[in-house]
Amino acid sequence: MHVFEIVIALLLAGAGLTLLSRRIGTPYPALVALAGAGLALVPGTPTLVLDPELALTLFVAPVLLDSAFDASTRDLRANWRTVTGLALGAVVFTVAVVAVVARALVPDMPWAVAVALGAMVAPPDAAAATAVLKQLRPPHRLLVILEGESLFNDASALLIYRLAIGAALTGSLSPASALPMLLVVTLGSVVLGFVLSRLLFPLLSRVEDVAVGVVIQFCSTFAVWTLAERLHLSGILTLVVFAMVTSRRAASVTPARLRIPGYAVWEVAVFVLNVLAFILVGFQLKGILERVDRGTLLSYAGVGGAVCVATILARIAWVWLAALVSRYRHRRQLRNRSQDEAGRPQGELEAALLSNGSAAVIGWCGMRGIVTLAAALALPAGNAASSTFPYRDLILFSAFSVVLGTLVVQGMTLRPLMKALALKDDGTVEREVESARVEMLRAALAASNQLQVAELSGLMRHRYEVLLRRAEAELAGAAAPRADAPELDDAAAIRAVTSAERQRLLALRQSDTIGDAAFQRLEQELDLEEIYLQQVAVREQPE
C-alpha cells in the first residue's frame, strides 16, 4: 500500500510538472527526471526491482506504437538518407565511443558490458525534443527527421544491446554468426509486422464499442511485441512495421467516435508510462545508494558524468560529420550531374542538405528517455539461480545520469538555441492543409450535386459553397469572410458529402500529395464534424 500511495502521489506530481514545463518551454521528462532522482534521496522510499522481461515490453511497446502510427511514409522516404544515418550510423558511433570511455574509466569492465552500456544510452528520445520544437514551429523537415530517427534507432540500439547482454552472460560472441543473425532478425521482423497487421486488422476494424476497442488495441500491441520476442525477432521493428501498415488502412474504416477517444487514451497511457519509468528508476537508485559507500558513489558519479558527456559529443560529432559529407556529395553532384539533371531546379538537389542551423539543432536534440530507462530496468538483477549482471549498479546509475543530464542540459537549453538560430516554420504543412481542404470541399459539393433535391437542403449546399470560397481565399492568401456557417438540419445528406470529403482526403495522402501531418489535422476536423452530425441525427429521430 505504501508503494501504491507513492506512485499515485508522483503521478499527480508528474501532471503538475508537465503543466509547469509547458509554461517555461521545457520538455516535461526533464522535470520528471529531476523528481525521480529526488525520490532516491527521500527517507523511507522502498526499493523495487522490476522483472527484466517486463520492463521493455511495458514501457517501450505502447510508446513506440503510438509514434509509429502517426509516422509519414512519404516524408520518411524523402529524408531516408538522413534518417538512416542517424538511426544506424549515429547509434553505432555512440555505442563505440561510450564503450571506449567506459572501458578507459573502468578497465576491469568486460567489453560486452561496456557495449551494453553504450547501446543503452545510444537512442535519443524524440518525444522530449519535439515537445519543445512544436511550440516553436521549426521547419517541418526537422520534426520529420527527429521523429523518423526515433522509430528506428531504438531497434538498432536494442539489437546491439541484446547481443551485448547475451555475450556478457555467456562470455562469448562470434561476429561471424552475429551479422547473419542480425540480417535474419531484421527481415523476419519486417515480414512478421506486415503479416500480423493483415491478420489482426479485420478484428480491430469490426469492434464498435469504444472501451472494448481500446482494450483490444493495447492487447494487440503487447501480443505483437511478445510474439516477435518469442520468435527471437525484434519486437521494435515488428511493432513499427505493424503500426505503419495498420495506420494506412485504419483511417478509412475507423469511425470518428472510436478514433477520438482512442487517441485520447493512448496519449494518457504514454504519459503515465513515462512518469512510471522515472519513478521505478528512482526506486532502484535508492537501492544503489544504500549498497555503496561514499567513495564508490563518487566514482559512479564520475563515470556517469563522463558517459553523459561522451554521449552528447558523439551525436554532435556524427551529425556535423554527416552534414559535411552531404555537402561534399552535393558539390560533386553539381559538378558531375548529367544533361537530364541540368534542367532540374538547384533547390531540388539541395533538398536533402542540412543547413548549419538545422545540423546544430539535430545534434543538440539528443535527449535520452524512456527507451534508455527501460533498457536499464531490463538488466538481469540476479536471484538465487543466477548471478547479478556485471557492474549492474554502475550501469544503471550511468544510464540514469545520461537521461538526467541530457534532459536537463539539452532539454532546458533547446528553446534558447532555437531562438538564437531563428529557424522558422517553412509553411509546408499549412500549404498542404489549405490545398487539401479546397480539394475536399470540391469533392463535397460534387457529391451534393448528385443527391436528390429533396435529400439536400439549400442551407447545406450554401454552407459548403461558403466554406469552399473561404478555403480558396485562404489558399490564395486573400482575406476570407469569417461569417458563421448556417445551422444544418439534414444529417443524412451531410454524412454523404462528409464521406466524399474523407475519401478525397485519403486519396490525397495515398498519392503523396500531402503528408501525414496535414492528413491528421484534416482528419481531426472531419472526425469532429462526424461526431456533430451523429448528435444531429439522434436529435432528429422521432420520439
Foldseek 3Di string as FASTA:
>chain_A
DVVVVVLVVLLVVLVVLCVVCVVQLFQSLLVLLVVLQVLLVDPPQAFDADALVVLCLQQPLLVLLLLLLLAWPLLCVVQVVLLCCLLAVLLVLQLVLQLVLLCVLPVVDDSLVSSLLSLLQRQFDLVRVVVNCVVFAFAPSLSNSSSSNNLRSLQNSVLSNVQSLVCLQVVDDDPVVSVVVLVCQLVVLLVLLVVLLVVCLVVLLPDDDQVVSLVVVSVSSSVQLVVSVVVVHGSSSSSSNNSNVNSLPCLLRPALVNVVVSSVVSVVSNSSSQSVLSNNLSSNVSVVVVPDDPVVVVSLVVSLVVSLVSSLVSLLVSLVVVLVVLVVVLVVCVVDPDPVCVPDDNVVSCVNHDDPLSSVLRSLSRAHGSSSSSSLSSQACDDPVGDHRPPSSSSSSSSSSNNNVSSVVSRSCSVVSCVVSVRHYPCQLVLLLLVLQLVLLVQLLVQLVPDDPVQDDPLRNVQSVLSNQQSVCVNVVHDHDPDDRDDDQRLVSSVRSLSSSSVSLSVCSVVVVHISVSSVVVSVVSSVVNVVSVVSVVVPDDD
